[in-house]
Amino acid sequence: MSKFTDHSKERVQKLELYLKGLLADEKGTDLLKRYQILDTQFIPADIIEALDRLVSENADIEGLKTASNKLFNLLYRLLSEYKPIKPKRNSLLYLIGIHHKAVKDLLNRSKVLIKELNRQYASETAKALKSEFEKLLEIDRYYAIKENVIFPELEQKWEHYRCIRLMWAFHDDIRKNIKKTLEVLNQKVLDLEAFNLYSSKVFFNLSTIIFREEKVLFPLMLETFDQADWDKMLIQTAEMELPFVEIPEQAIPKTIKTNSDYKINLKTGVLTLEQLELIFSHLPVDITFVDEAETVKYFSTPKHRIFPRSTGIIGRKVQDCHPHDSVEVVNKIVQSFIRGEKDVASFWIKMGPKFVLIQYFAVRNEENRFKGVLEVSQEISEIQSLTGERRLLDW
């Protein structure tokens, strides 16, 4: 066994008890001495398992974010000394490394501009900063890849995978604070205090997550994933497009095509597999189906998806496909459908210029037995703008 996987229960227990002590507001210096945190040679797998235990015990996520930050600050030098397996050229982690470098370069450019802005306000400096933070919005696509491609694989491969819920919570913080920073920069009069508050949170959390990926998450993945896993994830990543990176076409593994002529007998007709897939992909909506066991079984692939999906979510519990803050609502909808109390749940949100209607439908068979949940999302801003009538073709 390697140094990443040969971890001891004793080390994990030390970390778990230390983190629990922090969550209980015990004095940090006492906890360090009691559990010999600074005198123990922890490895990435120890941290993964300790965080998994706490999340599985429903530890407060907000408190755990703070506690984990303190832990990683303490173990920074130790983790920095680890020499993980070097990813192969044009492999998924190699390409993510290019993405990370682009993000770090962007942050470094922004730091220079922020110092200038704090020294003396200039509209050109604020404009340049706005441009950099608008580029930073692209990181949302990378987090969508992590949440829809990498996280499902971790759930399949690792016993102690629940630390991803904590990481997802950090993703949401970063998304939120980038948007808040841009809101401040878009104001006619710059609120420098608010700008420094939100931008500093972006810098801190981004640096934190990149460090955790490079020194804990990715090294352990390199130890535990096989080539088939990496190939599958790279194919899905290429479909979703990794920001700041051009993935070479020759680096993408070839997929095996299914028999598109296979016929499916339906009550109202007979369709080939190709025709059925084309019908779903041409509907002007995103569709996701979750079965009665609360497991994702299907999603459609329209030309312009509203919410990103990858085949990695197939077979995944629906609760694991949502951030921590949304799980309670998801459970409430599913349980009300199972009990027969409700049949539809509707939400509508603004996404930039888009106005999106999200609806959940209880799927029942002819005996009115619950068979699952159908999620349908549609961009309806054009529909909302319709007035009068159009009876003639107007191209």
Protein backbone atom coordinates (compact mmCIF):
# COMPACT_ATOMS: atom_id res chain seq x y z
CA MET A 1 0.00 0.00 0.00
CA SER A 2 1.11 3.57 -0.69
CA LYS A 3 1.44 6.39 1.79
CA PHE A 4 -1.90 7.76 0.58
CA THR A 5 -3.96 4.67 1.29
CA ASP A 6 -2.15 3.07 4.22
CA HIS A 7 -3.74 5.22 6.93
CA SER A 8 -4.44 4.31 10.52
CA LYS A 9 -7.62 4.48 12.55
CA GLU A 10 -5.68 6.20 15.32
CA ARG A 11 -4.70 9.15 13.11
CA VAL A 12 -8.22 9.49 11.76
CA GLN A 13 -9.66 9.46 15.28
CA LYS A 14 -7.29 12.24 16.34
CA LEU A 15 -8.48 14.43 13.49
CA GLU A 16 -12.12 13.60 14.11
CA LEU A 17 -11.91 14.45 17.82
CA TYR A 18 -9.94 17.63 17.10
CA LEU A 19 -12.60 18.82 14.64
CA LYS A 20 -15.41 17.89 17.03
CA GLY A 21 -13.68 19.91 19.72
CA LEU A 22 -13.54 22.95 17.44
CA LEU A 23 -17.23 22.52 16.60
CA ALA A 24 -17.95 22.48 20.36
CA ASP A 25 -16.02 25.78 20.78
CA GLU A 26 -13.24 24.21 22.83
CA LYS A 27 -9.92 26.04 23.00
CA GLY A 28 -7.81 25.29 19.95
CA THR A 29 -4.44 25.19 21.71
CA ASP A 30 -5.76 22.64 24.22
CA LEU A 31 -7.08 20.45 21.40
CA LEU A 32 -3.75 20.58 19.56
CA LYS A 33 -1.89 19.28 22.60
CA ARG A 34 -4.54 16.73 23.57
CA TYR A 35 -4.62 15.06 20.15
CA GLN A 36 -0.98 15.74 19.16
CA ILE A 37 -2.06 17.32 15.89
CA LEU A 38 1.27 19.01 15.18
CA ASP A 39 3.29 15.91 16.09
CA THR A 40 1.44 13.41 13.87
CA GLN A 41 2.29 12.58 10.26
CA PHE A 42 -1.18 12.76 8.76
CA ILE A 43 -1.78 11.80 5.14
CA PRO A 44 -4.57 12.87 2.71
CA ALA A 45 -6.67 9.74 3.28
CA ASP A 46 -6.80 10.51 7.03
CA ILE A 47 -8.39 13.89 6.37
CA ILE A 48 -10.86 12.46 3.85
CA GLU A 49 -12.09 9.83 6.33
CA ALA A 50 -12.27 12.20 9.31
CA LEU A 51 -14.38 14.70 7.35
CA ASP A 52 -16.54 11.85 6.02
CA ARG A 53 -17.34 10.74 9.57
CA LEU A 54 -18.38 14.22 10.64
CA VAL A 55 -20.56 14.86 7.59
CA SER A 56 -22.21 11.44 7.97
CA GLU A 57 -23.02 12.41 11.57
CA ASN A 58 -24.77 15.55 10.27
CA ALA A 59 -22.21 17.99 11.67
CA ASP A 60 -23.11 21.62 11.03
CA ILE A 61 -21.69 22.42 7.57
CA GLU A 62 -21.03 26.08 8.35
CA GLY A 63 -19.15 25.18 11.50
CA LEU A 64 -17.30 22.41 9.69
CA LYS A 65 -16.16 24.84 6.99
CA THR A 66 -14.50 27.02 9.65
CA ALA A 67 -13.06 24.05 11.53
CA SER A 68 -11.64 22.48 8.36
CA ASN A 69 -10.03 25.80 7.41
CA LYS A 70 -8.20 25.82 10.73
CA LEU A 71 -7.10 22.22 10.23
CA PHE A 72 -5.75 22.81 6.72
CA ASN A 73 -3.91 25.91 7.92
CA LEU A 74 -2.18 23.76 10.56
CA LEU A 75 -1.35 20.97 8.11
CA TYR A 76 -0.35 23.25 5.21
CA ARG A 77 3.37 22.53 5.37
CA LEU A 78 2.90 18.80 5.97
CA LEU A 79 0.53 18.38 3.01
CA SER A 80 2.71 20.56 0.78
CA GLU A 81 5.57 18.07 1.22
CA TYR A 82 3.63 15.17 -0.30
CA LYS A 83 4.75 14.15 -3.77
CA PRO A 84 1.74 12.61 -5.51
CA ILE A 85 1.80 10.67 -8.75
CA LYS A 86 2.32 13.05 -11.66
CA PRO A 87 -0.69 13.02 -14.00
CA LYS A 88 -0.07 12.01 -17.61
CA ARG A 89 0.00 14.69 -20.29
CA ASN A 90 -3.51 15.58 -21.53
CA SER A 91 -5.13 13.43 -18.83
CA LEU A 92 -8.07 14.91 -16.92
CA LEU A 93 -5.97 16.08 -13.95
CA TYR A 94 -3.28 17.45 -16.27
CA LEU A 95 -5.94 19.57 -17.99
CA ILE A 96 -7.44 20.64 -14.65
CA GLY A 97 -3.93 21.73 -13.69
CA ILE A 98 -3.93 24.07 -16.72
CA HIS A 99 -7.32 25.37 -15.58
CA HIS A 100 -5.98 25.99 -12.06
CA LYS A 101 -2.97 27.88 -13.42
CA ALA A 102 -5.29 30.15 -15.42
CA VAL A 103 -7.37 30.82 -12.29
CA LYS A 104 -4.25 31.56 -10.22
CA ASP A 105 -2.95 33.94 -12.91
CA LEU A 106 -6.32 35.69 -12.95
CA LEU A 107 -6.25 36.05 -9.16
CA ASN A 108 -2.69 37.41 -9.24
CA ARG A 109 -3.66 40.04 -11.83
CA SER A 110 -6.66 40.97 -9.71
CA LYS A 111 -4.52 41.34 -6.56
CA VAL A 112 -2.41 44.00 -8.27
CA LEU A 113 -5.53 45.89 -9.33
CA ILE A 114 -7.09 45.62 -5.86
CA LYS A 115 -3.98 47.15 -4.28
CA GLU A 116 -4.16 50.01 -6.77
CA LEU A 117 -7.87 50.53 -6.07
CA ASN A 118 -7.29 50.66 -2.31
CA ARG A 119 -4.39 53.07 -2.74
CA GLN A 120 -6.32 55.43 -4.99
CA TYR A 121 -9.67 55.03 -6.71
CA ALA A 122 -9.66 55.18 -10.50
CA SER A 123 -12.56 54.25 -12.76
CA GLU A 124 -10.20 52.44 -15.16
CA THR A 125 -8.90 50.25 -12.33
CA ALA A 126 -12.46 49.39 -11.24
CA LYS A 127 -13.36 48.63 -14.86
CA ALA A 128 -10.35 46.31 -15.23
CA LEU A 129 -11.28 44.53 -11.99
CA LYS A 130 -14.84 44.06 -13.21
CA SER A 131 -13.47 42.44 -16.37
CA GLU A 132 -11.32 40.01 -14.33
CA PHE A 133 -14.19 39.00 -12.03
CA GLU A 134 -16.48 38.50 -15.03
CA LYS A 135 -13.89 36.03 -16.36
CA LEU A 136 -13.87 34.38 -12.94
CA LEU A 137 -17.58 33.61 -13.35
CA GLU A 138 -16.44 30.88 -15.76
CA ILE A 139 -15.29 28.85 -12.76
CA ASP A 140 -18.94 27.89 -12.29
CA ARG A 141 -18.53 25.57 -15.30
CA TYR A 142 -15.58 23.88 -13.65
CA TYR A 143 -17.55 23.33 -10.45
CA ALA A 144 -20.40 21.92 -12.53
CA ILE A 145 -17.89 19.38 -13.89
CA LYS A 146 -16.73 18.49 -10.38
CA GLU A 147 -20.29 18.13 -9.11
CA ASN A 148 -21.65 16.19 -12.11
CA VAL A 149 -18.62 14.22 -13.30
CA ILE A 150 -16.03 13.81 -10.52
CA PHE A 151 -18.27 13.63 -7.44
CA PRO A 152 -20.45 10.76 -8.81
CA GLU A 153 -17.29 8.73 -9.46
CA LEU A 154 -16.04 9.39 -5.93
CA GLU A 155 -19.34 8.13 -4.54
CA GLN A 156 -18.89 4.91 -6.54
CA LYS A 157 -15.20 4.35 -5.77
CA TRP A 158 -14.68 5.58 -2.22
CA GLU A 159 -16.20 4.38 1.01
CA HIS A 160 -15.47 7.76 2.60
CA TYR A 161 -16.79 10.16 -0.02
CA ARG A 162 -19.02 12.50 2.00
CA CYS A 163 -16.35 15.19 2.26
CA ILE A 164 -17.58 16.25 -1.20
CA ARG A 165 -20.65 17.79 0.46
CA LEU A 166 -18.34 20.13 2.34
CA MET A 167 -16.46 20.97 -0.87
CA TRP A 168 -19.75 21.63 -2.67
CA ALA A 169 -20.68 24.12 0.08
CA PHE A 170 -17.42 25.99 -0.62
CA HIS A 171 -18.29 26.01 -4.34
CA ASP A 172 -21.58 27.72 -3.54
CA ASP A 173 -19.82 30.30 -1.36
CA ILE A 174 -17.39 31.11 -4.18
CA ARG A 175 -20.20 31.44 -6.74
CA LYS A 176 -22.18 33.69 -4.41
CA ASN A 177 -19.26 35.96 -3.49
CA ILE A 178 -18.08 36.41 -7.09
CA LYS A 179 -21.57 37.63 -7.96
CA LYS A 180 -21.67 39.90 -4.89
CA THR A 181 -18.27 41.36 -5.82
CA LEU A 182 -19.55 42.14 -9.31
CA GLU A 183 -22.72 43.69 -7.88
CA VAL A 184 -20.55 46.10 -5.86
CA LEU A 185 -18.37 46.88 -8.90
CA ASN A 186 -21.51 47.63 -10.94
CA GLN A 187 -22.70 50.30 -8.51
CA LYS A 188 -22.35 53.94 -9.57
CA VAL A 189 -20.46 54.72 -6.36
CA LEU A 190 -18.03 52.02 -5.31
CA ASP A 191 -18.46 50.74 -1.76
CA LEU A 192 -14.80 49.88 -1.16
CA GLU A 193 -15.45 48.21 2.20
CA ALA A 194 -18.05 45.86 0.70
CA PHE A 195 -15.82 45.17 -2.30
CA ASN A 196 -12.88 44.22 -0.08
CA LEU A 197 -15.13 42.00 2.05
CA TYR A 198 -16.58 39.96 -0.81
CA SER A 199 -13.45 39.84 -2.98
CA SER A 200 -11.32 38.67 -0.04
CA LYS A 201 -13.78 35.81 0.55
CA VAL A 202 -13.46 34.83 -3.11
CA PHE A 203 -9.64 34.83 -2.89
CA PHE A 204 -9.55 32.88 0.37
CA ASN A 205 -12.06 30.20 -0.62
CA LEU A 206 -10.65 29.73 -4.12
CA SER A 207 -7.13 29.31 -2.77
CA THR A 208 -8.44 26.93 -0.11
CA ILE A 209 -10.31 24.71 -2.57
CA ILE A 210 -7.44 24.58 -5.07
CA PHE A 211 -5.05 23.56 -2.29
CA ARG A 212 -7.42 20.83 -1.08
CA GLU A 213 -7.81 19.49 -4.60
CA GLU A 214 -4.10 19.49 -5.40
CA LYS A 215 -2.86 18.14 -2.05
CA VAL A 216 -5.69 15.86 -0.86
CA LEU A 217 -8.44 15.08 -3.37
CA PHE A 218 -6.44 14.54 -6.57
CA PRO A 219 -3.52 12.59 -5.05
CA LEU A 220 -5.94 10.10 -3.54
CA MET A 221 -7.88 9.85 -6.80
CA LEU A 222 -4.63 9.04 -8.63
CA GLU A 223 -4.08 6.21 -6.16
CA THR A 224 -7.57 4.71 -6.38
CA PHE A 225 -8.95 5.30 -9.90
CA ASP A 226 -8.17 3.09 -12.90
CA GLN A 227 -7.78 4.13 -16.55
CA ALA A 228 -11.40 3.33 -17.41
CA ASP A 229 -12.54 5.77 -14.71
CA TRP A 230 -10.30 8.54 -16.07
CA ASP A 231 -11.44 7.90 -19.66
CA LYS A 232 -15.11 8.09 -18.70
CA MET A 233 -14.62 11.34 -16.77
CA LEU A 234 -12.57 12.94 -19.55
CA ILE A 235 -15.29 12.18 -22.13
CA GLN A 236 -17.92 13.78 -19.90
CA THR A 237 -15.68 16.76 -19.13
CA ALA A 238 -15.09 17.38 -22.85
CA GLU A 239 -18.85 17.41 -23.41
CA MET A 240 -19.33 20.04 -20.69
CA GLU A 241 -16.22 22.07 -21.69
CA LEU A 242 -13.52 22.85 -19.14
CA PRO A 243 -13.10 26.65 -18.76
CA PHE A 244 -9.78 28.28 -19.70
CA VAL A 245 -8.65 25.02 -21.36
CA GLU A 246 -8.74 23.74 -24.93
CA ILE A 247 -8.98 19.95 -24.68
CA PRO A 248 -7.09 18.35 -27.59
CA GLU A 249 -9.44 16.20 -29.68
CA GLN A 250 -6.91 13.35 -29.77
CA ALA A 251 -6.90 13.27 -25.94
CA ILE A 252 -10.61 12.38 -25.75
CA PRO A 253 -11.20 8.59 -25.60
CA LYS A 254 -13.57 7.20 -28.24
CA THR A 255 -17.06 6.18 -27.13
CA ILE A 256 -18.88 3.02 -28.15
CA LYS A 257 -22.05 3.71 -30.10
CA THR A 258 -25.29 1.88 -29.26
CA ASN A 259 -27.57 0.14 -31.78
CA SER A 260 -29.69 3.08 -32.93
CA ASP A 261 -31.99 0.84 -35.03
CA TYR A 262 -33.31 -1.03 -31.98
CA LYS A 263 -37.13 -0.69 -31.97
CA ILE A 264 -39.23 0.19 -28.92
CA ASN A 265 -42.93 -0.69 -28.87
CA LEU A 266 -45.00 2.01 -27.20
CA LYS A 267 -48.77 2.16 -26.67
CA THR A 268 -49.17 4.80 -29.36
CA GLY A 269 -46.48 3.81 -31.81
CA VAL A 270 -43.15 2.17 -32.56
CA LEU A 271 -39.91 4.16 -32.46
CA THR A 272 -36.28 3.29 -33.02
CA LEU A 273 -33.86 4.10 -30.22
CA GLU A 274 -32.40 6.86 -32.41
CA GLN A 275 -35.83 8.42 -33.00
CA LEU A 276 -36.70 8.33 -29.31
CA GLU A 277 -33.43 10.01 -28.34
CA LEU A 278 -33.89 12.64 -31.06
CA ILE A 279 -37.41 13.43 -29.86
CA PHE A 280 -36.25 14.03 -26.28
CA SER A 281 -33.23 16.04 -27.38
CA HIS A 282 -35.38 18.33 -29.57
CA LEU A 283 -37.92 19.22 -26.91
CA PRO A 284 -37.36 22.83 -25.74
CA VAL A 285 -36.97 21.69 -22.13
CA ASP A 286 -34.44 19.94 -19.85
CA ILE A 287 -35.79 16.64 -18.55
CA THR A 288 -34.41 14.51 -15.71
CA PHE A 289 -36.12 11.37 -14.42
CA VAL A 290 -35.64 9.94 -10.92
CA ASP A 291 -37.16 6.53 -10.16
CA GLU A 292 -39.12 5.36 -7.10
CA ALA A 293 -35.86 4.47 -5.34
CA GLU A 294 -34.84 8.15 -5.61
CA THR A 295 -32.11 7.27 -8.12
CA VAL A 296 -31.36 9.30 -11.27
CA LYS A 297 -32.13 7.13 -14.31
CA TYR A 298 -32.22 9.52 -17.29
CA PHE A 299 -31.70 13.07 -18.51
CA SER A 300 -32.32 14.61 -21.92
CA THR A 301 -29.66 16.33 -24.00
CA PRO A 302 -31.18 19.38 -25.72
CA LYS A 303 -28.85 21.62 -27.72
CA HIS A 304 -28.81 24.30 -25.04
CA ARG A 305 -29.18 22.83 -21.56
CA ILE A 306 -30.19 25.19 -18.74
CA PHE A 307 -28.55 23.12 -16.01
CA PRO A 308 -25.44 21.02 -16.76
CA ARG A 309 -25.69 17.25 -16.59
CA SER A 310 -23.30 14.40 -17.27
CA THR A 311 -23.78 10.64 -17.51
CA GLY A 312 -21.91 10.41 -14.20
CA ILE A 313 -25.16 11.24 -12.36
CA ILE A 314 -26.93 8.13 -13.70
CA GLY A 315 -27.42 5.71 -10.80
CA ARG A 316 -26.77 8.48 -8.27
CA LYS A 317 -29.17 9.32 -5.44
CA VAL A 318 -31.04 12.52 -6.24
CA GLN A 319 -30.03 14.01 -2.87
CA ASP A 320 -26.36 13.71 -3.86
CA CYS A 321 -27.00 15.74 -7.03
CA HIS A 322 -27.90 18.87 -5.08
CA PRO A 323 -25.93 21.20 -2.80
CA HIS A 324 -26.34 20.75 0.95
CA ASP A 325 -28.67 23.76 1.30
CA SER A 326 -31.15 22.28 -1.23
CA VAL A 327 -31.37 18.69 0.05
CA GLU A 328 -34.12 19.43 2.59
CA VAL A 329 -36.36 20.88 -0.15
CA VAL A 330 -35.64 17.93 -2.46
CA ASN A 331 -36.57 15.47 0.30
CA LYS A 332 -39.76 17.38 1.05
CA ILE A 333 -40.87 17.24 -2.60
CA VAL A 334 -40.06 13.55 -3.05
CA GLN A 335 -41.71 12.48 0.21
CA SER A 336 -44.88 14.47 -0.52
CA PHE A 337 -45.08 12.76 -3.92
CA ILE A 338 -44.52 9.30 -2.40
CA ARG A 339 -47.27 9.90 0.18
CA GLY A 340 -49.64 11.11 -2.55
CA GLU A 341 -50.05 14.54 -0.94
CA LYS A 342 -48.85 16.50 -3.99
CA ASP A 343 -48.36 15.92 -7.70
CA VAL A 344 -46.51 19.08 -8.83
CA ALA A 345 -43.94 21.47 -7.36
CA SER A 346 -43.03 24.62 -9.32
CA PHE A 347 -40.26 27.20 -9.00
CA TRP A 348 -39.14 30.07 -11.20
CA ILE A 349 -35.83 31.88 -11.06
CA LYS A 350 -33.86 34.53 -12.93
CA MET A 351 -30.54 33.47 -14.44
CA GLY A 352 -29.08 36.61 -15.99
CA PRO A 353 -31.31 37.45 -18.97
CA LYS A 354 -33.06 34.07 -18.69
CA PHE A 355 -36.26 33.42 -16.77
CA VAL A 356 -36.43 29.72 -15.92
CA LEU A 357 -39.43 27.66 -14.88
CA ILE A 358 -38.53 24.50 -12.95
CA GLN A 359 -41.26 21.94 -12.33
CA TYR A 360 -41.30 18.58 -10.59
CA PHE A 361 -44.04 16.08 -11.48
CA ALA A 362 -44.98 12.93 -9.59
CA VAL A 363 -44.92 10.00 -12.04
CA ARG A 364 -47.60 7.37 -11.30
CA ASN A 365 -48.69 4.25 -13.18
CA GLU A 366 -52.24 3.22 -14.11
CA GLU A 367 -52.77 1.88 -10.58
CA ASN A 368 -51.73 5.32 -9.26
CA ARG A 369 -48.57 3.78 -7.80
CA PHE A 370 -45.63 6.15 -7.40
CA LYS A 371 -42.91 5.38 -9.97
CA GLY A 372 -40.65 8.40 -9.72
CA VAL A 373 -40.17 12.14 -10.27
CA LEU A 374 -39.87 14.01 -13.56
CA GLU A 375 -37.97 17.32 -13.43
CA VAL A 376 -38.70 19.68 -16.33
CA SER A 377 -36.88 23.00 -16.73
CA GLN A 378 -37.68 25.57 -19.41
CA GLU A 379 -36.46 29.04 -20.35
CA ILE A 380 -39.73 31.01 -20.62
CA SER A 381 -38.72 34.67 -21.12
CA GLU A 382 -39.85 34.54 -24.78
CA ILE A 383 -43.13 32.87 -23.83
CA GLN A 384 -43.76 35.56 -21.22
CA SER A 385 -43.29 38.28 -23.84
CA LEU A 386 -45.98 36.89 -26.20
CA THR A 387 -49.04 39.10 -26.79
CA GLY A 388 -51.99 39.00 -29.13
CA GLU A 389 -52.10 36.18 -31.70
CA ARG A 390 -50.04 34.84 -34.61
CA ARG A 391 -52.11 32.76 -37.02
CA LEU A 392 -49.87 33.03 -40.08
CA LEU A 393 -46.38 31.66 -40.59
CA ASP A 394 -43.94 34.52 -40.10
CA TRP A 395 -40.37 33.55 -40.94
